[in-house]
Amino acid sequence: MTEQTLFTKLGGQETIDKVVDSFYDKVLADPLVNPFFVHTDMAKQRRHQAAFIGFALGSGAAYTGKSMAKAHEGMNLQPEHFHAIAAHLKTTLEEFGVAEEDVSQVLVQVSTLRDDILYK
């Protein structure tokens, strides 16, 4: 028996899309991080993020977007920004009823991207 991916376990792309929408509602309401999105096409951003999260959680679909380092180039994100975004993701996943161990696994995945995101 093959192990179920987090993507499947969380409900597939439809659920990921809803999680991403709720996540960005929180991000855009947060004055610490919302300035980074002032000139962002949020519909496009949400699509890219949903595709990336799906890929990272094992959807099996190819991710064709920019690398994390390239996507965050020139933003000079600091640890407090990274932690705020991670906290919004954690809260959103919890609101969707994701089990604590799965939330932890997602956050571990996100933390592996930290060096590609910060100080770029």
PDB file of N, CA and C in Angstrom:
ATOM      1  N   MET A   1       0.844  -1.183   0.000  1.00  0.00           N
ATOM      2  CA  MET A   1       0.000   0.000   0.000  1.00  0.00           C
ATOM      3  C   MET A   1       0.889   1.247   0.000  1.00  0.00           C
ATOM      4  N   THR A   2       0.588   2.174  -0.895  1.00  0.00           N
ATOM      5  CA  THR A   2       1.396   3.381  -0.961  1.00  0.00           C
ATOM      6  C   THR A   2       0.889   4.398   0.049  1.00  0.00           C
ATOM      7  N   GLU A   3       1.822   5.201   0.539  1.00  0.00           N
ATOM      8  CA  GLU A   3       1.465   6.220   1.516  1.00  0.00           C
ATOM      9  C   GLU A   3       0.712   7.356   0.821  1.00  0.00           C
ATOM     10  N   GLN A   4      -0.343   7.813   1.447  1.00  0.00           N
ATOM     11  CA  GLN A   4      -1.148   8.898   0.907  1.00  0.00           C
ATOM     12  C   GLN A   4      -0.374  10.210   1.031  1.00  0.00           C
ATOM     13  N   THR A   5      -0.336  10.995  -0.052  1.00  0.00           N
ATOM     14  CA  THR A   5       0.354  12.287   0.009  1.00  0.00           C
ATOM     15  C   THR A   5      -0.462  13.263   0.845  1.00  0.00           C
ATOM     16  N   LEU A   6       0.210  14.273   1.353  1.00  0.00           N
ATOM     17  CA  LEU A   6      -0.508  15.326   2.077  1.00  0.00           C
ATOM     18  C   LEU A   6      -1.513  16.008   1.162  1.00  0.00           C
ATOM     19  N   PHE A   7      -1.179  16.135  -0.096  1.00  0.00           N
ATOM     20  CA  PHE A   7      -2.089  16.743  -1.075  1.00  0.00           C
ATOM     21  C   PHE A   7      -3.427  16.012  -1.086  1.00  0.00           C
ATOM     22  N   THR A   8      -3.372  14.686  -1.195  1.00  0.00           N
ATOM     23  CA  THR A   8      -4.586  13.879  -1.210  1.00  0.00           C
ATOM     24  C   THR A   8      -5.269  13.897   0.149  1.00  0.00           C
ATOM     25  N   LYS A   9      -4.476  13.767   1.185  1.00  0.00           N
ATOM     26  CA  LYS A   9      -5.011  13.730   2.544  1.00  0.00           C
ATOM     27  C   LYS A   9      -5.781  15.011   2.893  1.00  0.00           C
ATOM     28  N   LEU A  10      -5.294  16.150   2.376  1.00  0.00           N
ATOM     29  CA  LEU A  10      -5.937  17.431   2.679  1.00  0.00           C
ATOM     30  C   LEU A  10      -7.150  17.714   1.803  1.00  0.00           C
ATOM     31  N   GLY A  11      -7.360  16.892   0.780  1.00  0.00           N
ATOM     32  CA  GLY A  11      -8.562  17.068  -0.028  1.00  0.00           C
ATOM     33  C   GLY A  11      -8.321  17.472  -1.463  1.00  0.00           C
ATOM     34  N   GLY A  12      -7.069  17.440  -1.915  1.00  0.00           N
ATOM     35  CA  GLY A  12      -6.768  17.740  -3.309  1.00  0.00           C
ATOM     36  C   GLY A  12      -6.773  19.220  -3.634  1.00  0.00           C
ATOM     37  N   GLN A  13      -6.733  19.503  -4.931  1.00  0.00           N
ATOM     38  CA  GLN A  13      -6.565  20.886  -5.385  1.00  0.00           C
ATOM     39  C   GLN A  13      -7.717  21.796  -4.980  1.00  0.00           C
ATOM     40  N   GLU A  14      -8.924  21.277  -4.961  1.00  0.00           N
ATOM     41  CA  GLU A  14     -10.074  22.109  -4.586  1.00  0.00           C
ATOM     42  C   GLU A  14      -9.895  22.658  -3.165  1.00  0.00           C
ATOM     43  N   THR A  15      -9.471  21.810  -2.257  1.00  0.00           N
ATOM     44  CA  THR A  15      -9.233  22.251  -0.881  1.00  0.00           C
ATOM     45  C   THR A  15      -8.031  23.182  -0.818  1.00  0.00           C
ATOM     46  N   ILE A  16      -6.971  22.856  -1.531  1.00  0.00           N
ATOM     47  CA  ILE A  16      -5.778  23.706  -1.544  1.00  0.00           C
ATOM     48  C   ILE A  16      -6.152  25.106  -2.023  1.00  0.00           C
ATOM     49  N   ASP A  17      -6.969  25.209  -3.056  1.00  0.00           N
ATOM     50  CA  ASP A  17      -7.402  26.516  -3.566  1.00  0.00           C
ATOM     51  C   ASP A  17      -8.132  27.310  -2.486  1.00  0.00           C
ATOM     52  N   LYS A  18      -8.995  26.648  -1.736  1.00  0.00           N
ATOM     53  CA  LYS A  18      -9.737  27.328  -0.660  1.00  0.00           C
ATOM     54  C   LYS A  18      -8.801  27.756   0.461  1.00  0.00           C
ATOM     55  N   VAL A  19      -7.850  26.895   0.792  1.00  0.00           N
ATOM     56  CA  VAL A  19      -6.865  27.228   1.820  1.00  0.00           C
ATOM     57  C   VAL A  19      -6.070  28.459   1.390  1.00  0.00           C
ATOM     58  N   VAL A  20      -5.640  28.484   0.141  1.00  0.00           N
ATOM     59  CA  VAL A  20      -4.853  29.615  -0.369  1.00  0.00           C
ATOM     60  C   VAL A  20      -5.669  30.907  -0.313  1.00  0.00           C
ATOM     61  N   ASP A  21      -6.931  30.851  -0.693  1.00  0.00           N
ATOM     62  CA  ASP A  21      -7.775  32.052  -0.626  1.00  0.00           C
ATOM     63  C   ASP A  21      -7.888  32.567   0.803  1.00  0.00           C
ATOM     64  N   SER A  22      -8.152  31.686   1.737  1.00  0.00           N
ATOM     65  CA  SER A  22      -8.275  32.076   3.142  1.00  0.00           C
ATOM     66  C   SER A  22      -6.939  32.599   3.680  1.00  0.00           C
ATOM     67  N   PHE A  23      -5.856  31.928   3.305  1.00  0.00           N
ATOM     68  CA  PHE A  23      -4.507  32.341   3.711  1.00  0.00           C
ATOM     69  C   PHE A  23      -4.224  33.773   3.247  1.00  0.00           C
ATOM     70  N   TYR A  24      -4.494  34.070   1.986  1.00  0.00           N
ATOM     71  CA  TYR A  24      -4.214  35.420   1.487  1.00  0.00           C
ATOM     72  C   TYR A  24      -5.146  36.462   2.085  1.00  0.00           C
ATOM     73  N   ASP A  25      -6.350  36.091   2.471  1.00  0.00           N
ATOM     74  CA  ASP A  25      -7.213  37.034   3.196  1.00  0.00           C
ATOM     75  C   ASP A  25      -6.516  37.479   4.474  1.00  0.00           C
ATOM     76  N   LYS A  26      -5.878  36.549   5.170  1.00  0.00           N
ATOM     77  CA  LYS A  26      -5.146  36.875   6.407  1.00  0.00           C
ATOM     78  C   LYS A  26      -3.893  37.700   6.105  1.00  0.00           C
ATOM     79  N   VAL A  27      -3.155  37.293   5.103  1.00  0.00           N
ATOM     80  CA  VAL A  27      -1.920  37.997   4.731  1.00  0.00           C
ATOM     81  C   VAL A  27      -2.234  39.448   4.361  1.00  0.00           C
ATOM     82  N   LEU A  28      -3.252  39.649   3.559  1.00  0.00           N
ATOM     83  CA  LEU A  28      -3.583  41.004   3.107  1.00  0.00           C
ATOM     84  C   LEU A  28      -4.148  41.874   4.219  1.00  0.00           C
ATOM     85  N   ALA A  29      -4.637  41.258   5.284  1.00  0.00           N
ATOM     86  CA  ALA A  29      -5.138  42.007   6.440  1.00  0.00           C
ATOM     87  C   ALA A  29      -4.025  42.312   7.449  1.00  0.00           C
ATOM     88  N   ASP A  30      -2.837  41.783   7.229  1.00  0.00           N
ATOM     89  CA  ASP A  30      -1.724  41.931   8.166  1.00  0.00           C
ATOM     90  C   ASP A  30      -0.809  43.078   7.724  1.00  0.00           C
ATOM     91  N   PRO A  31      -0.775  44.172   8.493  1.00  0.00           N
ATOM     92  CA  PRO A  31       0.046  45.326   8.094  1.00  0.00           C
ATOM     93  C   PRO A  31       1.553  45.045   8.059  1.00  0.00           C
ATOM     94  N   LEU A  32       2.001  43.996   8.703  1.00  0.00           N
ATOM     95  CA  LEU A  32       3.422  43.653   8.662  1.00  0.00           C
ATOM     96  C   LEU A  32       3.836  43.145   7.275  1.00  0.00           C
ATOM     97  N   VAL A  33       2.973  42.371   6.642  1.00  0.00           N
ATOM     98  CA  VAL A  33       3.346  41.744   5.375  1.00  0.00           C
ATOM     99  C   VAL A  33       2.546  42.231   4.163  1.00  0.00           C
ATOM    100  N   ASN A  34       1.413  42.883   4.364  1.00  0.00           N
ATOM    101  CA  ASN A  34       0.621  43.275   3.198  1.00  0.00           C
ATOM    102  C   ASN A  34       1.300  44.296   2.281  1.00  0.00           C
ATOM    103  N   PRO A  35       2.251  45.110   2.771  1.00  0.00           N
ATOM    104  CA  PRO A  35       2.922  46.022   1.832  1.00  0.00           C
ATOM    105  C   PRO A  35       3.671  45.290   0.699  1.00  0.00           C
ATOM    106  N   PHE A  36       4.058  44.058   0.923  1.00  0.00           N
ATOM    107  CA  PHE A  36       4.766  43.298  -0.105  1.00  0.00           C
ATOM    108  C   PHE A  36       3.851  42.910  -1.274  1.00  0.00           C
ATOM    109  N   PHE A  37       2.546  43.092  -1.094  1.00  0.00           N
ATOM    110  CA  PHE A  37       1.580  42.675  -2.111  1.00  0.00           C
ATOM    111  C   PHE A  37       0.843  43.842  -2.760  1.00  0.00           C
ATOM    112  N   VAL A  38       1.271  45.070  -2.479  1.00  0.00           N
ATOM    113  CA  VAL A  38       0.581  46.264  -2.985  1.00  0.00           C
ATOM    114  C   VAL A  38       0.471  46.250  -4.508  1.00  0.00           C
ATOM    115  N   HIS A  39       1.518  45.877  -5.187  1.00  0.00           N
ATOM    116  CA  HIS A  39       1.528  45.907  -6.653  1.00  0.00           C
ATOM    117  C   HIS A  39       1.426  44.509  -7.262  1.00  0.00           C
ATOM    118  N   THR A  40       0.825  43.592  -6.511  1.00  0.00           N
ATOM    119  CA  THR A  40       0.725  42.210  -6.953  1.00  0.00           C
ATOM    120  C   THR A  40      -0.655  41.922  -7.525  1.00  0.00           C
ATOM    121  N   ASP A  41      -0.680  41.247  -8.656  1.00  0.00           N
ATOM    122  CA  ASP A  41      -1.932  40.736  -9.218  1.00  0.00           C
ATOM    123  C   ASP A  41      -2.318  39.540  -8.346  1.00  0.00           C
ATOM    124  N   MET A  42      -3.248  39.759  -7.431  1.00  0.00           N
ATOM    125  CA  MET A  42      -3.550  38.734  -6.434  1.00  0.00           C
ATOM    126  C   MET A  42      -4.234  37.502  -7.022  1.00  0.00           C
ATOM    127  N   ALA A  43      -4.990  37.664  -8.079  1.00  0.00           N
ATOM    128  CA  ALA A  43      -5.594  36.476  -8.708  1.00  0.00           C
ATOM    129  C   ALA A  43      -4.483  35.574  -9.246  1.00  0.00           C
ATOM    130  N   LYS A  44      -3.510  36.175  -9.892  1.00  0.00           N
ATOM    131  CA  LYS A  44      -2.365  35.416 -10.414  1.00  0.00           C
ATOM    132  C   LYS A  44      -1.545  34.831  -9.264  1.00  0.00           C
ATOM    133  N   GLN A  45      -1.331  35.634  -8.229  1.00  0.00           N
ATOM    134  CA  GLN A  45      -0.563  35.184  -7.065  1.00  0.00           C
ATOM    135  C   GLN A  45      -1.231  33.968  -6.410  1.00  0.00           C
ATOM    136  N   ARG A  46      -2.531  34.029  -6.264  1.00  0.00           N
ATOM    137  CA  ARG A  46      -3.265  32.918  -5.649  1.00  0.00           C
ATOM    138  C   ARG A  46      -3.146  31.649  -6.499  1.00  0.00           C
ATOM    139  N   ARG A  47      -3.229  31.798  -7.814  1.00  0.00           N
ATOM    140  CA  ARG A  47      -3.087  30.630  -8.706  1.00  0.00           C
ATOM    141  C   ARG A  47      -1.696  30.020  -8.580  1.00  0.00           C
ATOM    142  N   HIS A  48      -0.668  30.885  -8.605  1.00  0.00           N
ATOM    143  CA  HIS A  48       0.706  30.393  -8.489  1.00  0.00           C
ATOM    144  C   HIS A  48       0.935  29.714  -7.133  1.00  0.00           C
ATOM    145  N   GLN A  49       0.422  30.327  -6.079  1.00  0.00           N
ATOM    146  CA  GLN A  49       0.617  29.767  -4.738  1.00  0.00           C
ATOM    147  C   GLN A  49      -0.094  28.421  -4.605  1.00  0.00           C
ATOM    148  N   ALA A  50      -1.308  28.343  -5.142  1.00  0.00           N
ATOM    149  CA  ALA A  50      -2.051  27.078  -5.078  1.00  0.00           C
ATOM    150  C   ALA A  50      -1.310  25.985  -5.846  1.00  0.00           C
ATOM    151  N   ALA A  51      -0.750  26.334  -6.994  1.00  0.00           N
ATOM    152  CA  ALA A  51       0.014  25.352  -7.778  1.00  0.00           C
ATOM    153  C   ALA A  51       1.270  24.937  -7.021  1.00  0.00           C
ATOM    154  N   PHE A  52       1.944  25.907  -6.411  1.00  0.00           N
ATOM    155  CA  PHE A  52       3.169  25.595  -5.677  1.00  0.00           C
ATOM    156  C   PHE A  52       2.877  24.717  -4.462  1.00  0.00           C
ATOM    157  N   ILE A  53       1.852  25.076  -3.697  1.00  0.00           N
ATOM    158  CA  ILE A  53       1.512  24.292  -2.508  1.00  0.00           C
ATOM    159  C   ILE A  53       1.091  22.883  -2.914  1.00  0.00           C
ATOM    160  N   GLY A  54       0.297  22.783  -3.960  1.00  0.00           N
ATOM    161  CA  GLY A  54      -0.087  21.460  -4.458  1.00  0.00           C
ATOM    162  C   GLY A  54       1.129  20.627  -4.803  1.00  0.00           C
ATOM    163  N   PHE A  55       2.065  21.220  -5.530  1.00  0.00           N
ATOM    164  CA  PHE A  55       3.316  20.537  -5.896  1.00  0.00           C
ATOM    165  C   PHE A  55       4.088  20.118  -4.647  1.00  0.00           C
ATOM    166  N   ALA A  56       4.238  21.052  -3.702  1.00  0.00           N
ATOM    167  CA  ALA A  56       5.019  20.782  -2.489  1.00  0.00           C
ATOM    168  C   ALA A  56       4.396  19.686  -1.635  1.00  0.00           C
ATOM    169  N   LEU A  57       3.083  19.531  -1.711  1.00  0.00           N
ATOM    170  CA  LEU A  57       2.398  18.539  -0.892  1.00  0.00           C
ATOM    171  C   LEU A  57       2.164  17.223  -1.626  1.00  0.00           C
ATOM    172  N   GLY A  58       2.682  17.119  -2.854  1.00  0.00           N
ATOM    173  CA  GLY A  58       2.635  15.841  -3.543  1.00  0.00           C
ATOM    174  C   GLY A  58       1.525  15.654  -4.554  1.00  0.00           C
ATOM    175  N   SER A  59       1.075  16.736  -5.190  1.00  0.00           N
ATOM    176  CA  SER A  59       0.014  16.607  -6.189  1.00  0.00           C
ATOM    177  C   SER A  59       0.440  15.770  -7.390  1.00  0.00           C
ATOM    178  N   GLY A  60       1.737  15.757  -7.651  1.00  0.00           N
ATOM    179  CA  GLY A  60       2.236  15.053  -8.822  1.00  0.00           C
ATOM    180  C   GLY A  60       2.285  15.925 -10.056  1.00  0.00           C
ATOM    181  N   ALA A  61       1.648  17.103  -9.981  1.00  0.00           N
ATOM    182  CA  ALA A  61       1.688  18.045 -11.100  1.00  0.00           C
ATOM    183  C   ALA A  61       3.035  18.761 -11.094  1.00  0.00           C
ATOM    184  N   ALA A  62       3.509  19.107 -12.258  1.00  0.00           N
ATOM    185  CA  ALA A  62       4.772  19.842 -12.371  1.00  0.00           C
ATOM    186  C   ALA A  62       4.550  21.292 -11.953  1.00  0.00           C
ATOM    187  N   TYR A  63       5.515  21.840 -11.231  1.00  0.00           N
ATOM    188  CA  TYR A  63       5.474  23.258 -10.878  1.00  0.00           C
ATOM    189  C   TYR A  63       6.383  23.989 -11.848  1.00  0.00           C
ATOM    190  N   THR A  64       5.836  24.945 -12.574  1.00  0.00           N
ATOM    191  CA  THR A  64       6.604  25.642 -13.604  1.00  0.00           C
ATOM    192  C   THR A  64       6.868  27.092 -13.260  1.00  0.00           C
ATOM    193  N   GLY A  65       6.543  27.494 -12.038  1.00  0.00           N
ATOM    194  CA  GLY A  65       6.768  28.873 -11.627  1.00  0.00           C
ATOM    195  C   GLY A  65       8.233  29.139 -11.318  1.00  0.00           C
ATOM    196  N   LYS A  66       8.494  30.366 -10.908  1.00  0.00           N
ATOM    197  CA  LYS A  66       9.849  30.781 -10.544  1.00  0.00           C
ATOM    198  C   LYS A  66      10.319  30.033  -9.305  1.00  0.00           C
ATOM    199  N   SER A  67      11.637  29.945  -9.167  1.00  0.00           N
ATOM    200  CA  SER A  67      12.192  29.401  -7.931  1.00  0.00           C
ATOM    201  C   SER A  67      11.843  30.361  -6.792  1.00  0.00           C
ATOM    202  N   MET A  68      11.901  29.860  -5.575  1.00  0.00           N
ATOM    203  CA  MET A  68      11.603  30.712  -4.428  1.00  0.00           C
ATOM    204  C   MET A  68      12.578  31.891  -4.350  1.00  0.00           C
ATOM    205  N   ALA A  69      13.848  31.642  -4.613  1.00  0.00           N
ATOM    206  CA  ALA A  69      14.843  32.719  -4.575  1.00  0.00           C
ATOM    207  C   ALA A  69      14.515  33.778  -5.625  1.00  0.00           C
ATOM    208  N   LYS A  70      14.184  33.360  -6.820  1.00  0.00           N
ATOM    209  CA  LYS A  70      13.866  34.298  -7.904  1.00  0.00           C
ATOM    210  C   LYS A  70      12.562  35.049  -7.613  1.00  0.00           C
ATOM    211  N   ALA A  71      11.567  34.350  -7.104  1.00  0.00           N
ATOM    212  CA  ALA A  71      10.266  34.971  -6.827  1.00  0.00           C
ATOM    213  C   ALA A  71      10.364  36.040  -5.743  1.00  0.00           C
ATOM    214  N   HIS A  72      11.343  35.910  -4.839  1.00  0.00           N
ATOM    215  CA  HIS A  72      11.454  36.851  -3.721  1.00  0.00           C
ATOM    216  C   HIS A  72      12.614  37.833  -3.892  1.00  0.00           C
ATOM    217  N   GLU A  73      13.231  37.798  -5.058  1.00  0.00           N
ATOM    218  CA  GLU A  73      14.357  38.672  -5.369  1.00  0.00           C
ATOM    219  C   GLU A  73      13.962  40.143  -5.220  1.00  0.00           C
ATOM    220  N   GLY A  74      14.802  40.898  -4.518  1.00  0.00           N
ATOM    221  CA  GLY A  74      14.572  42.326  -4.343  1.00  0.00           C
ATOM    222  C   GLY A  74      13.581  42.689  -3.250  1.00  0.00           C
ATOM    223  N   MET A  75      13.018  41.707  -2.576  1.00  0.00           N
ATOM    224  CA  MET A  75      12.013  41.981  -1.552  1.00  0.00           C
ATOM    225  C   MET A  75      12.628  42.228  -0.177  1.00  0.00           C
ATOM    226  N   ASN A  76      13.824  41.693   0.053  1.00  0.00           N
ATOM    227  CA  ASN A  76      14.521  41.831   1.330  1.00  0.00           C
ATOM    228  C   ASN A  76      13.640  41.416   2.512  1.00  0.00           C
ATOM    229  N   LEU A  77      13.006  40.275   2.378  1.00  0.00           N
ATOM    230  CA  LEU A  77      12.181  39.746   3.461  1.00  0.00           C
ATOM    231  C   LEU A  77      13.058  39.379   4.651  1.00  0.00           C
ATOM    232  N   GLN A  78      12.566  39.677   5.828  1.00  0.00           N
ATOM    233  CA  GLN A  78      13.269  39.432   7.074  1.00  0.00           C
ATOM    234  C   GLN A  78      12.594  38.284   7.826  1.00  0.00           C
ATOM    235  N   PRO A  79      13.271  37.750   8.848  1.00  0.00           N
ATOM    236  CA  PRO A  79      12.672  36.631   9.600  1.00  0.00           C
ATOM    237  C   PRO A  79      11.265  36.919  10.124  1.00  0.00           C
ATOM    238  N   GLU A  80      11.000  38.135  10.577  1.00  0.00           N
ATOM    239  CA  GLU A  80       9.655  38.424  11.100  1.00  0.00           C
ATOM    240  C   GLU A  80       8.586  38.308  10.015  1.00  0.00           C
ATOM    241  N   HIS A  81       8.931  38.622   8.773  1.00  0.00           N
ATOM    242  CA  HIS A  81       7.978  38.474   7.671  1.00  0.00           C
ATOM    243  C   HIS A  81       7.719  36.991   7.391  1.00  0.00           C
ATOM    244  N   PHE A  82       8.792  36.221   7.361  1.00  0.00           N
ATOM    245  CA  PHE A  82       8.674  34.781   7.126  1.00  0.00           C
ATOM    246  C   PHE A  82       7.814  34.141   8.215  1.00  0.00           C
ATOM    247  N   HIS A  83       8.063  34.510   9.460  1.00  0.00           N
ATOM    248  CA  HIS A  83       7.311  33.926  10.582  1.00  0.00           C
ATOM    249  C   HIS A  83       5.838  34.333  10.543  1.00  0.00           C
ATOM    250  N   ALA A  84       5.561  35.561  10.137  1.00  0.00           N
ATOM    251  CA  ALA A  84       4.169  36.010  10.034  1.00  0.00           C
ATOM    252  C   ALA A  84       3.427  35.202   8.964  1.00  0.00           C
ATOM    253  N   ILE A  85       4.070  34.997   7.824  1.00  0.00           N
ATOM    254  CA  ILE A  85       3.455  34.227   6.743  1.00  0.00           C
ATOM    255  C   ILE A  85       3.225  32.779   7.193  1.00  0.00           C
ATOM    256  N   ALA A  86       4.228  32.200   7.838  1.00  0.00           N
ATOM    257  CA  ALA A  86       4.091  30.822   8.333  1.00  0.00           C
ATOM    258  C   ALA A  86       2.957  30.724   9.356  1.00  0.00           C
ATOM    259  N   ALA A  87       2.844  31.730  10.221  1.00  0.00           N
ATOM    260  CA  ALA A  87       1.768  31.732  11.225  1.00  0.00           C
ATOM    261  C   ALA A  87       0.394  31.808  10.561  1.00  0.00           C
ATOM    262  N   HIS A  88       0.276  32.616   9.513  1.00  0.00           N
ATOM    263  CA  HIS A  88      -1.005  32.700   8.791  1.00  0.00           C
ATOM    264  C   HIS A  88      -1.333  31.369   8.119  1.00  0.00           C
ATOM    265  N   LEU A  89      -0.321  30.709   7.591  1.00  0.00           N
ATOM    266  CA  LEU A  89      -0.549  29.401   6.975  1.00  0.00           C
ATOM    267  C   LEU A  89      -0.988  28.391   8.024  1.00  0.00           C
ATOM    268  N   LYS A  90      -0.321  28.380   9.162  1.00  0.00           N
ATOM    269  CA  LYS A  90      -0.662  27.464  10.249  1.00  0.00           C
ATOM    270  C   LYS A  90      -2.108  27.682  10.701  1.00  0.00           C
ATOM    271  N   THR A  91      -2.475  28.919  10.946  1.00  0.00           N
ATOM    272  CA  THR A  91      -3.835  29.254  11.386  1.00  0.00           C
ATOM    273  C   THR A  91      -4.862  28.815  10.347  1.00  0.00           C
ATOM    274  N   THR A  92      -4.566  29.079   9.092  1.00  0.00           N
ATOM    275  CA  THR A  92      -5.493  28.710   8.021  1.00  0.00           C
ATOM    276  C   THR A  92      -5.686  27.203   7.955  1.00  0.00           C
ATOM    277  N   LEU A  93      -4.594  26.458   8.003  1.00  0.00           N
ATOM    278  CA  LEU A  93      -4.705  24.996   7.957  1.00  0.00           C
ATOM    279  C   LEU A  93      -5.510  24.474   9.144  1.00  0.00           C
ATOM    280  N   GLU A  94      -5.277  25.037  10.315  1.00  0.00           N
ATOM    281  CA  GLU A  94      -6.037  24.632  11.502  1.00  0.00           C
ATOM    282  C   GLU A  94      -7.516  24.931  11.323  1.00  0.00           C
ATOM    283  N   GLU A  95      -7.835  26.079  10.742  1.00  0.00           N
ATOM    284  CA  GLU A  95      -9.237  26.446  10.504  1.00  0.00           C
ATOM    285  C   GLU A  95      -9.924  25.469   9.542  1.00  0.00           C
ATOM    286  N   PHE A  96      -9.148  24.866   8.657  1.00  0.00           N
ATOM    287  CA  PHE A  96      -9.687  23.889   7.719  1.00  0.00           C
ATOM    288  C   PHE A  96      -9.709  22.483   8.299  1.00  0.00           C
ATOM    289  N   GLY A  97      -9.386  22.363   9.579  1.00  0.00           N
ATOM    290  CA  GLY A  97      -9.479  21.078  10.250  1.00  0.00           C
ATOM    291  C   GLY A  97      -8.333  20.128   9.957  1.00  0.00           C
ATOM    292  N   VAL A  98      -7.214  20.662   9.492  1.00  0.00           N
ATOM    293  CA  VAL A  98      -6.052  19.816   9.212  1.00  0.00           C
ATOM    294  C   VAL A  98      -5.467  19.350  10.540  1.00  0.00           C
ATOM    295  N   ALA A  99      -5.163  18.071  10.626  1.00  0.00           N
ATOM    296  CA  ALA A  99      -4.619  17.480  11.847  1.00  0.00           C
ATOM    297  C   ALA A  99      -3.293  18.143  12.220  1.00  0.00           C
ATOM    298  N   GLU A 100      -3.045  18.225  13.515  1.00  0.00           N
ATOM    299  CA  GLU A 100      -1.844  18.885  14.034  1.00  0.00           C
ATOM    300  C   GLU A 100      -0.563  18.324  13.415  1.00  0.00           C
ATOM    301  N   GLU A 101      -0.479  17.006  13.290  1.00  0.00           N
ATOM    302  CA  GLU A 101       0.740  16.404  12.725  1.00  0.00           C
ATOM    303  C   GLU A 101       0.918  16.780  11.257  1.00  0.00           C
ATOM    304  N   ASP A 102      -0.198  16.960  10.538  1.00  0.00           N
ATOM    305  CA  ASP A 102      -0.112  17.367   9.133  1.00  0.00           C
ATOM    306  C   ASP A 102       0.250  18.839   9.011  1.00  0.00           C
ATOM    307  N   VAL A 103      -0.278  19.665   9.915  1.00  0.00           N
ATOM    308  CA  VAL A 103       0.109  21.081   9.942  1.00  0.00           C
ATOM    309  C   VAL A 103       1.605  21.176  10.190  1.00  0.00           C
ATOM    310  N   SER A 104       2.093  20.405  11.140  1.00  0.00           N
ATOM    311  CA  SER A 104       3.531  20.406  11.438  1.00  0.00           C
ATOM    312  C   SER A 104       4.345  19.993  10.223  1.00  0.00           C
ATOM    313  N   GLN A 105       3.868  18.994   9.502  1.00  0.00           N
ATOM    314  CA  GLN A 105       4.584  18.528   8.318  1.00  0.00           C
ATOM    315  C   GLN A 105       4.632  19.615   7.238  1.00  0.00           C
ATOM    316  N   VAL A 106       3.521  20.322   7.047  1.00  0.00           N
ATOM    317  CA  VAL A 106       3.490  21.420   6.080  1.00  0.00           C
ATOM    318  C   VAL A 106       4.481  22.505   6.494  1.00  0.00           C
ATOM    319  N   LEU A 107       4.488  22.855   7.771  1.00  0.00           N
ATOM    320  CA  LEU A 107       5.388  23.908   8.242  1.00  0.00           C
ATOM    321  C   LEU A 107       6.856  23.498   8.126  1.00  0.00           C
ATOM    322  N   VAL A 108       7.132  22.222   8.295  1.00  0.00           N
ATOM    323  CA  VAL A 108       8.501  21.729   8.079  1.00  0.00           C
ATOM    324  C   VAL A 108       8.877  21.917   6.608  1.00  0.00           C
ATOM    325  N   GLN A 109       7.959  21.582   5.716  1.00  0.00           N
ATOM    326  CA  GLN A 109       8.199  21.784   4.280  1.00  0.00           C
ATOM    327  C   GLN A 109       8.482  23.259   3.987  1.00  0.00           C
ATOM    328  N   VAL A 110       7.662  24.135   4.545  1.00  0.00           N
ATOM    329  CA  VAL A 110       7.829  25.577   4.328  1.00  0.00           C
ATOM    330  C   VAL A 110       9.173  26.045   4.866  1.00  0.00           C
ATOM    331  N   SER A 111       9.559  25.546   6.018  1.00  0.00           N
ATOM    332  CA  SER A 111      10.812  25.999   6.636  1.00  0.00           C
ATOM    333  C   SER A 111      12.031  25.649   5.785  1.00  0.00           C
ATOM    334  N   THR A 112      11.926  24.620   4.949  1.00  0.00           N
ATOM    335  CA  THR A 112      13.056  24.274   4.079  1.00  0.00           C
ATOM    336  C   THR A 112      13.300  25.344   3.019  1.00  0.00           C
ATOM    337  N   LEU A 113      12.336  26.222   2.813  1.00  0.00           N
ATOM    338  CA  LEU A 113      12.451  27.288   1.804  1.00  0.00           C
ATOM    339  C   LEU A 113      12.973  28.595   2.394  1.00  0.00           C
ATOM    340  N   ARG A 114      13.138  28.640   3.696  1.00  0.00           N
ATOM    341  CA  ARG A 114      13.504  29.869   4.404  1.00  0.00           C
ATOM    342  C   ARG A 114      14.718  30.575   3.789  1.00  0.00           C
ATOM    343  N   ASP A 115      15.784  29.831   3.557  1.00  0.00           N
ATOM    344  CA  ASP A 115      17.006  30.445   3.031  1.00  0.00           C
ATOM    345  C   ASP A 115      16.829  30.963   1.600  1.00  0.00           C
ATOM    346  N   ASP A 116      15.902  30.379   0.856  1.00  0.00           N
ATOM    347  CA  ASP A 116      15.639  30.852  -0.508  1.00  0.00           C
ATOM    348  C   ASP A 116      14.756  32.091  -0.531  1.00  0.00           C
ATOM    349  N   ILE A 117      14.120  32.406   0.590  1.00  0.00           N
ATOM    350  CA  ILE A 117      13.167  33.511   0.648  1.00  0.00           C
ATOM    351  C   ILE A 117      13.753  34.740   1.341  1.00  0.00           C
ATOM    352  N   LEU A 118      14.480  34.532   2.421  1.00  0.00           N
ATOM    353  CA  LEU A 118      14.956  35.664   3.225  1.00  0.00           C
ATOM    354  C   LEU A 118      16.148  36.378   2.599  1.00  0.00           C
ATOM    355  N   TYR A 119      16.173  37.686   2.819  1.00  0.00           N
ATOM    356  CA  TYR A 119      17.277  38.575   2.449  1.00  0.00           C
ATOM    357  C   TYR A 119      17.548  38.612   0.946  1.00  0.00           C
ATOM    358  N   LYS A 120      16.575  38.281   0.134  1.00  0.00           N
ATOM    359  CA  LYS A 120      16.786  38.288  -1.323  1.00  0.00           C
ATOM    360  C   LYS A 120      16.482  39.654  -1.894  1.00  0.00           C
TER     361      LYS A 120
END
